[in-house]
PDB file of N, CA and C in Angstrom:
ATOM      1  N   MET A   1      -6.250 -14.287   4.741  1.00  0.00           N
ATOM      2  CA  MET A   1      -6.400 -12.972   5.675  1.00  0.00           C
ATOM      3  C   MET A   1      -6.715 -11.812   4.994  1.00  0.00           C
ATOM      4  N   LYS A   2      -7.445 -11.240   5.740  1.00  0.00           N
ATOM      5  CA  LYS A   2      -8.132 -10.172   5.605  1.00  0.00           C
ATOM      6  C   LYS A   2      -7.570  -8.933   6.404  1.00  0.00           C
ATOM      7  N   ILE A   3      -7.164  -7.623   5.928  1.00  0.00           N
ATOM      8  CA  ILE A   3      -6.513  -6.413   7.070  1.00  0.00           C
ATOM      9  C   ILE A   3      -6.833  -5.272   6.293  1.00  0.00           C
ATOM     10  N   SER A   4      -7.468  -4.631   7.427  1.00  0.00           N
ATOM     11  CA  SER A   4      -7.660  -3.212   7.144  1.00  0.00           C
ATOM     12  C   SER A   4      -6.922  -2.091   6.150  1.00  0.00           C
ATOM     13  N   ALA A   5      -5.515  -2.542   6.131  1.00  0.00           N
ATOM     14  CA  ALA A   5      -4.543  -1.433   5.754  1.00  0.00           C
ATOM     15  C   ALA A   5      -4.340  -1.727   4.121  1.00  0.00           C
ATOM     16  N   ARG A   6      -4.419  -0.723   3.610  1.00  0.00           N
ATOM     17  CA  ARG A   6      -4.453  -0.841   2.090  1.00  0.00           C
ATOM     18  C   ARG A   6      -2.868  -0.162   1.350  1.00  0.00           C
ATOM     19  N   ASN A   7      -1.899  -0.309   2.600  1.00  0.00           N
ATOM     20  CA  ASN A   7      -0.537  -0.302   2.090  1.00  0.00           C
ATOM     21  C   ASN A   7       0.187  -1.540   1.838  1.00  0.00           C
ATOM     22  N   LYS A   8      -0.105  -2.417   0.709  1.00  0.00           N
ATOM     23  CA  LYS A   8       0.278  -3.845   1.069  1.00  0.00           C
ATOM     24  C   LYS A   8       1.228  -4.351   0.109  1.00  0.00           C
ATOM     25  N   LEU A   9       2.272  -4.536   0.372  1.00  0.00           N
ATOM     26  CA  LEU A   9       3.163  -5.343  -0.788  1.00  0.00           C
ATOM     27  C   LEU A   9       3.410  -6.638  -0.994  1.00  0.00           C
ATOM     28  N   GLY A  10       3.453  -7.362  -2.073  1.00  0.00           N
ATOM     29  CA  GLY A  10       3.507  -9.006  -1.927  1.00  0.00           C
ATOM     30  C   GLY A  10       5.312  -9.098  -2.192  1.00  0.00           C
ATOM     31  N   GLY A  11       5.209  -9.966  -1.854  1.00  0.00           N
ATOM     32  CA  GLY A  11       7.169 -10.348  -2.225  1.00  0.00           C
ATOM     33  C   GLY A  11       7.354 -11.699  -1.575  1.00  0.00           C
ATOM     34  N   ASN A  12       8.794 -12.065  -1.755  1.00  0.00           N
ATOM     35  CA  ASN A  12       9.117 -13.294  -1.067  1.00  0.00           C
ATOM     36  C   ASN A  12      10.631 -13.022   0.067  1.00  0.00           C
ATOM     37  N   VAL A  13      10.375 -13.533   1.137  1.00  0.00           N
ATOM     38  CA  VAL A  13      11.717 -13.233   2.340  1.00  0.00           C
ATOM     39  C   VAL A  13      12.793 -13.923   1.351  1.00  0.00           C
ATOM     40  N   VAL A  14      13.953 -13.033   1.533  1.00  0.00           N
ATOM     41  CA  VAL A  14      15.019 -13.390   1.174  1.00  0.00           C
ATOM     42  C   VAL A  14      16.250 -13.746   1.689  1.00  0.00           C
ATOM     43  N   SER A  15      15.673 -12.876   3.512  1.00  0.00           N
ATOM     44  CA  SER A  15      16.614 -13.421   4.748  1.00  0.00           C
ATOM     45  C   SER A  15      15.809 -13.457   6.192  1.00  0.00           C
ATOM     46  N   VAL A  16      16.500 -13.932   6.937  1.00  0.00           N
ATOM     47  CA  VAL A  16      15.939 -13.426   8.140  1.00  0.00           C
ATOM     48  C   VAL A  16      16.834 -13.957   9.159  1.00  0.00           C
ATOM     49  N   GLU A  17      16.958 -12.513  10.036  1.00  0.00           N
ATOM     50  CA  GLU A  17      18.312 -12.792  11.116  1.00  0.00           C
ATOM     51  C   GLU A  17      17.572 -12.603  12.269  1.00  0.00           C
ATOM     52  N   LYS A  18      17.572 -13.727  13.232  1.00  0.00           N
ATOM     53  CA  LYS A  18      16.849 -13.179  14.362  1.00  0.00           C
ATOM     54  C   LYS A  18      17.572 -13.600  15.490  1.00  0.00           C
ATOM     55  N   GLY A  19      17.396 -12.858  16.607  1.00  0.00           N
ATOM     56  CA  GLY A  19      18.136 -12.273  17.585  1.00  0.00           C
ATOM     57  C   GLY A  19      17.527 -13.068  19.180  1.00  0.00           C
ATOM     58  N   LYS A  20      17.557 -12.512  19.977  1.00  0.00           N
ATOM     59  CA  LYS A  20      16.897 -13.509  20.992  1.00  0.00           C
ATOM     60  C   LYS A  20      15.542 -12.564  21.231  1.00  0.00           C
ATOM     61  N   VAL A  21      15.620 -11.267  21.017  1.00  0.00           N
ATOM     62  CA  VAL A  21      14.275 -10.432  21.123  1.00  0.00           C
ATOM     63  C   VAL A  21      13.553 -10.116  20.071  1.00  0.00           C
ATOM     64  N   ALA A  22      14.318  -9.742  18.863  1.00  0.00           N
ATOM     65  CA  ALA A  22      14.038  -9.162  17.816  1.00  0.00           C
ATOM     66  C   ALA A  22      14.243  -9.890  16.490  1.00  0.00           C
ATOM     67  N   ALA A  23      14.153  -9.680  15.092  1.00  0.00           N
ATOM     68  CA  ALA A  23      14.738 -10.252  14.087  1.00  0.00           C
ATOM     69  C   ALA A  23      14.232  -9.313  13.082  1.00  0.00           C
ATOM     70  N   ILE A  24      14.888  -9.489  12.031  1.00  0.00           N
ATOM     71  CA  ILE A  24      15.017  -8.542  10.645  1.00  0.00           C
ATOM     72  C   ILE A  24      14.671  -9.327   9.381  1.00  0.00           C
ATOM     73  N   VAL A  25      13.764  -8.999   8.831  1.00  0.00           N
ATOM     74  CA  VAL A  25      13.266  -9.830   8.020  1.00  0.00           C
ATOM     75  C   VAL A  25      13.260  -9.318   6.757  1.00  0.00           C
ATOM     76  N   LYS A  26      13.892  -9.355   5.724  1.00  0.00           N
ATOM     77  CA  LYS A  26      14.268  -8.709   4.168  1.00  0.00           C
ATOM     78  C   LYS A  26      13.495  -9.558   3.407  1.00  0.00           C
ATOM     79  N   VAL A  27      12.509  -8.503   2.714  1.00  0.00           N
ATOM     80  CA  VAL A  27      11.535  -8.875   2.070  1.00  0.00           C
ATOM     81  C   VAL A  27      11.484  -8.280   0.146  1.00  0.00           C
ATOM     82  N   GLU A  28      12.080  -9.280  -0.611  1.00  0.00           N
ATOM     83  CA  GLU A  28      12.028  -8.595  -2.054  1.00  0.00           C
ATOM     84  C   GLU A  28      10.494  -8.699  -2.729  1.00  0.00           C
ATOM     85  N   ILE A  29      10.480  -7.434  -2.907  1.00  0.00           N
ATOM     86  CA  ILE A  29       8.620  -7.131  -3.452  1.00  0.00           C
ATOM     87  C   ILE A  29       8.907  -7.226  -4.833  1.00  0.00           C
ATOM     88  N   THR A  30       7.109  -7.183  -5.441  1.00  0.00           N
ATOM     89  CA  THR A  30       7.280  -7.684  -6.932  1.00  0.00           C
ATOM     90  C   THR A  30       7.968  -6.106  -7.478  1.00  0.00           C
ATOM     91  N   SER A  31       7.798  -5.244  -7.141  1.00  0.00           N
ATOM     92  CA  SER A  31       8.298  -4.173  -7.955  1.00  0.00           C
ATOM     93  C   SER A  31       9.763  -4.566  -7.520  1.00  0.00           C
ATOM     94  N   PRO A  32      10.232  -3.487  -8.320  1.00  0.00           N
ATOM     95  CA  PRO A  32      12.008  -3.797  -7.901  1.00  0.00           C
ATOM     96  C   PRO A  32      12.468  -3.160  -6.825  1.00  0.00           C
ATOM     97  N   GLY A  33      13.058  -3.866  -5.620  1.00  0.00           N
ATOM     98  CA  GLY A  33      13.468  -3.094  -4.290  1.00  0.00           C
ATOM     99  C   GLY A  33      13.560  -4.558  -3.426  1.00  0.00           C
ATOM    100  N   THR A  34      14.056  -3.940  -1.988  1.00  0.00           N
ATOM    101  CA  THR A  34      13.960  -4.818  -1.252  1.00  0.00           C
ATOM    102  C   THR A  34      13.644  -4.010   0.311  1.00  0.00           C
ATOM    103  N   LEU A  35      12.599  -4.265   0.867  1.00  0.00           N
ATOM    104  CA  LEU A  35      11.931  -3.622   2.258  1.00  0.00           C
ATOM    105  C   LEU A  35      12.496  -4.600   3.442  1.00  0.00           C
ATOM    106  N   THR A  36      13.010  -3.597   4.745  1.00  0.00           N
ATOM    107  CA  THR A  36      13.269  -4.820   5.711  1.00  0.00           C
ATOM    108  C   THR A  36      12.360  -4.078   6.911  1.00  0.00           C
ATOM    109  N   ALA A  37      11.973  -5.153   7.888  1.00  0.00           N
ATOM    110  CA  ALA A  37      11.270  -4.763   8.840  1.00  0.00           C
ATOM    111  C   ALA A  37      12.111  -5.742  10.021  1.00  0.00           C
ATOM    112  N   MET A  38      11.754  -4.664  11.298  1.00  0.00           N
ATOM    113  CA  MET A  38      12.078  -5.683  12.358  1.00  0.00           C
ATOM    114  C   MET A  38      10.839  -5.892  12.975  1.00  0.00           C
ATOM    115  N   ILE A  39      10.751  -7.221  13.563  1.00  0.00           N
ATOM    116  CA  ILE A  39       9.970  -7.524  14.069  1.00  0.00           C
ATOM    117  C   ILE A  39      10.258  -8.705  15.149  1.00  0.00           C
ATOM    118  N   THR A  40       9.495  -9.032  16.343  1.00  0.00           N
ATOM    119  CA  THR A  40       9.912  -9.775  17.119  1.00  0.00           C
ATOM    120  C   THR A  40      10.285 -11.105  16.700  1.00  0.00           C
ATOM    121  N   ALA A  41      11.360 -11.817  17.418  1.00  0.00           N
ATOM    122  CA  ALA A  41      11.673 -12.672  17.420  1.00  0.00           C
ATOM    123  C   ALA A  41      10.311 -13.795  17.543  1.00  0.00           C
ATOM    124  N   GLU A  42       9.390 -13.632  18.421  1.00  0.00           N
ATOM    125  CA  GLU A  42       8.408 -15.014  18.693  1.00  0.00           C
ATOM    126  C   GLU A  42       7.637 -14.347  17.551  1.00  0.00           C
ATOM    127  N   SER A  43       7.528 -13.372  16.988  1.00  0.00           N
ATOM    128  CA  SER A  43       6.316 -13.122  15.654  1.00  0.00           C
ATOM    129  C   SER A  43       6.940 -14.142  14.376  1.00  0.00           C
ATOM    130  N   VAL A  44       8.431 -14.378  14.411  1.00  0.00           N
ATOM    131  CA  VAL A  44       9.190 -15.166  13.553  1.00  0.00           C
ATOM    132  C   VAL A  44       8.855 -16.560  13.598  1.00  0.00           C
ATOM    133  N   ASP A  45       8.915 -16.775  14.889  1.00  0.00           N
ATOM    134  CA  ASP A  45       8.761 -18.281  15.300  1.00  0.00           C
ATOM    135  C   ASP A  45       7.063 -18.439  15.159  1.00  0.00           C
ATOM    136  N   ASP A  46       6.323 -17.673  15.616  1.00  0.00           N
ATOM    137  CA  ASP A  46       4.694 -18.039  15.727  1.00  0.00           C
ATOM    138  C   ASP A  46       4.198 -18.157  14.020  1.00  0.00           C
ATOM    139  N   MET A  47       5.190 -17.257  13.233  1.00  0.00           N
ATOM    140  CA  MET A  47       4.180 -17.382  11.765  1.00  0.00           C
ATOM    141  C   MET A  47       5.749 -18.548  10.722  1.00  0.00           C
ATOM    142  N   ALA A  48       5.943 -18.863  11.627  1.00  0.00           N
ATOM    143  CA  ALA A  48       7.416 -20.017  10.640  1.00  0.00           C
ATOM    144  C   ALA A  48       7.597 -19.201   9.702  1.00  0.00           C
ATOM    145  N   ILE A  49       8.057 -17.978   9.733  1.00  0.00           N
ATOM    146  CA  ILE A  49       8.537 -17.289   8.827  1.00  0.00           C
ATOM    147  C   ILE A  49      10.112 -17.682   8.102  1.00  0.00           C
ATOM    148  N   LYS A  50      10.684 -17.921   7.209  1.00  0.00           N
ATOM    149  CA  LYS A  50      11.951 -18.368   6.654  1.00  0.00           C
ATOM    150  C   LYS A  50      11.822 -18.305   4.919  1.00  0.00           C
ATOM    151  N   LYS A  51      13.340 -18.101   4.337  1.00  0.00           N
ATOM    152  CA  LYS A  51      13.561 -17.755   3.175  1.00  0.00           C
ATOM    153  C   LYS A  51      12.725 -18.627   2.196  1.00  0.00           C
ATOM    154  N   GLY A  52      12.213 -17.349   1.649  1.00  0.00           N
ATOM    155  CA  GLY A  52      11.973 -18.159   0.429  1.00  0.00           C
ATOM    156  C   GLY A  52      10.104 -17.838   0.443  1.00  0.00           C
ATOM    157  N   ASP A  53       9.411 -17.915   1.722  1.00  0.00           N
ATOM    158  CA  ASP A  53       8.180 -17.511   1.636  1.00  0.00           C
ATOM    159  C   ASP A  53       7.662 -16.686   1.283  1.00  0.00           C
ATOM    160  N   LYS A  54       6.663 -16.574   0.535  1.00  0.00           N
ATOM    161  CA  LYS A  54       5.627 -15.484   0.321  1.00  0.00           C
ATOM    162  C   LYS A  54       4.850 -14.993   1.361  1.00  0.00           C
ATOM    163  N   VAL A  55       5.356 -13.561   1.349  1.00  0.00           N
ATOM    164  CA  VAL A  55       4.367 -12.850   2.659  1.00  0.00           C
ATOM    165  C   VAL A  55       4.021 -11.321   2.097  1.00  0.00           C
ATOM    166  N   SER A  56       3.478 -10.675   2.626  1.00  0.00           N
ATOM    167  CA  SER A  56       3.056  -9.405   2.254  1.00  0.00           C
ATOM    168  C   SER A  56       3.598  -8.531   3.518  1.00  0.00           C
ATOM    169  N   VAL A  57       3.921  -7.106   2.840  1.00  0.00           N
ATOM    170  CA  VAL A  57       4.520  -6.301   3.548  1.00  0.00           C
ATOM    171  C   VAL A  57       3.356  -5.114   3.938  1.00  0.00           C
ATOM    172  N   VAL A  58       3.128  -4.911   4.956  1.00  0.00           N
ATOM    173  CA  VAL A  58       2.316  -3.581   5.321  1.00  0.00           C
ATOM    174  C   VAL A  58       2.282  -2.505   6.184  1.00  0.00           C
ATOM    175  N   ILE A  59       2.437  -1.738   5.433  1.00  0.00           N
ATOM    176  CA  ILE A  59       2.745  -0.200   5.919  1.00  0.00           C
ATOM    177  C   ILE A  59       1.820   0.452   6.195  1.00  0.00           C
ATOM    178  N   LYS A  60       1.699   1.207   7.968  1.00  0.00           N
ATOM    179  CA  LYS A  60       1.427   1.608   8.537  1.00  0.00           C
ATOM    180  C   LYS A  60       2.034   2.964   8.284  1.00  0.00           C
ATOM    181  N   SER A  61       1.407   4.391   9.097  1.00  0.00           N
ATOM    182  CA  SER A  61       2.333   5.715   9.159  1.00  0.00           C
ATOM    183  C   SER A  61       3.366   5.486  10.012  1.00  0.00           C
ATOM    184  N   THR A  62       3.250   4.618  11.006  1.00  0.00           N
ATOM    185  CA  THR A  62       3.892   4.714  12.105  1.00  0.00           C
ATOM    186  C   THR A  62       5.096   3.118  12.116  1.00  0.00           C
ATOM    187  N   GLU A  63       4.361   2.109  11.282  1.00  0.00           N
ATOM    188  CA  GLU A  63       5.444   1.082  11.551  1.00  0.00           C
ATOM    189  C   GLU A  63       5.228   0.283   9.999  1.00  0.00           C
ATOM    190  N   VAL A  64       5.901  -0.745   9.904  1.00  0.00           N
ATOM    191  CA  VAL A  64       6.090  -1.699   8.753  1.00  0.00           C
ATOM    192  C   VAL A  64       5.733  -3.489   9.327  1.00  0.00           C
ATOM    193  N   MET A  65       4.744  -4.046   9.465  1.00  0.00           N
ATOM    194  CA  MET A  65       4.558  -5.163   9.678  1.00  0.00           C
ATOM    195  C   MET A  65       4.839  -6.213   8.709  1.00  0.00           C
ATOM    196  N   ILE A  66       4.699  -8.015   8.739  1.00  0.00           N
ATOM    197  CA  ILE A  66       4.731  -8.647   8.002  1.00  0.00           C
ATOM    198  C   ILE A  66       3.659  -9.407   8.245  1.00  0.00           C
ATOM    199  N   ALA A  67       2.511  -9.990   6.903  1.00  0.00           N
ATOM    200  CA  ALA A  67       1.843 -10.992   7.186  1.00  0.00           C
ATOM    201  C   ALA A  67       2.039 -12.132   6.404  1.00  0.00           C
ATOM    202  N   LYS A  68       1.400 -13.203   6.722  1.00  0.00           N
ATOM    203  CA  LYS A  68       1.702 -14.134   5.757  1.00  0.00           C
ATOM    204  C   LYS A  68      -0.014 -15.348   6.071  1.00  0.00           C
ATOM    205  N   GLU A  69       0.038 -15.817   4.799  1.00  0.00           N
ATOM    206  CA  GLU A  69      -1.054 -16.599   4.729  1.00  0.00           C
ATOM    207  C   GLU A  69      -0.998 -17.774   5.427  1.00  0.00           C
TER     208      GLU A  69
END
Protein backbone atom coordinates (compact mmCIF):
# COMPACT_ATOMS: atom_id res chain seq x y z
CA MET A 1 0.00 0.00 0.00
CA LYS A 2 1.29 3.45 -0.87
CA ILE A 3 0.08 6.62 0.79
CA SER A 4 1.18 10.23 0.52
CA ALA A 5 1.14 10.90 4.27
CA ARG A 6 4.60 10.77 5.85
CA ASN A 7 3.49 10.60 9.47
CA LYS A 8 3.01 6.84 9.62
CA LEU A 9 3.73 4.56 12.60
CA GLY A 10 3.66 0.76 12.53
CA GLY A 11 2.12 -1.26 15.33
CA ASN A 12 -0.24 -4.03 16.44
CA VAL A 13 -3.93 -3.76 17.25
CA VAL A 14 -4.45 -4.41 20.97
CA SER A 15 -8.22 -3.88 21.06
CA VAL A 16 -11.26 -3.07 18.93
CA GLU A 17 -14.45 -1.71 20.52
CA LYS A 18 -17.10 -1.62 17.80
CA GLY A 19 -20.41 0.18 18.15
CA LYS A 20 -23.26 0.53 15.65
CA VAL A 21 -21.66 3.49 13.85
CA ALA A 22 -18.09 3.94 15.10
CA ALA A 23 -15.25 1.82 16.41
CA ILE A 24 -12.34 2.59 18.72
CA VAL A 25 -9.11 0.86 17.66
CA LYS A 26 -6.12 0.86 20.01
CA VAL A 27 -2.72 0.27 18.41
CA GLU A 28 0.51 -0.43 20.29
CA ILE A 29 3.17 1.33 18.25
CA THR A 30 6.79 0.28 17.81
CA SER A 31 7.93 3.13 20.04
CA PRO A 32 6.58 2.90 23.59
CA GLY A 33 2.96 3.90 23.78
CA THR A 34 -0.54 3.26 22.48
CA LEU A 35 -2.46 5.40 20.01
CA THR A 36 -6.25 5.35 19.84
CA ALA A 37 -8.22 6.12 16.68
CA MET A 38 -11.98 6.39 16.24
CA ILE A 39 -12.97 5.08 12.81
CA THR A 40 -16.27 3.91 11.36
CA ALA A 41 -17.55 0.45 12.23
CA GLU A 42 -17.92 -0.10 8.48
CA SER A 43 -14.15 0.47 8.04
CA VAL A 44 -13.40 -2.09 10.76
CA ASP A 45 -15.59 -4.61 8.91
CA ASP A 46 -14.24 -3.75 5.43
CA MET A 47 -10.62 -4.04 6.59
CA ALA A 48 -11.36 -7.02 8.88
CA ILE A 49 -9.42 -5.36 11.70
CA LYS A 50 -8.99 -7.52 14.76
CA LYS A 51 -6.75 -7.79 17.81
CA GLY A 52 -3.22 -8.84 16.86
CA ASP A 53 -3.31 -7.40 13.31
CA LYS A 54 -0.30 -5.42 12.07
CA VAL A 55 -1.50 -1.99 10.95
CA SER A 56 -0.13 1.47 10.25
CA VAL A 57 -1.39 4.55 12.07
CA VAL A 58 -1.46 7.47 9.62
CA ILE A 59 -1.55 10.92 11.16
CA LYS A 60 -2.74 13.95 9.18
CA SER A 61 -3.07 17.38 10.74
CA THR A 62 -6.82 16.94 11.28
CA GLU A 63 -7.24 13.20 11.81
CA VAL A 64 -5.75 9.82 12.69
CA MET A 65 -6.47 6.92 10.30
CA ILE A 66 -5.76 3.16 10.29
CA ALA A 67 -4.11 1.44 7.30
CA LYS A 68 -3.80 -2.31 6.80
CA GLU A 69 -1.86 -4.19 4.09
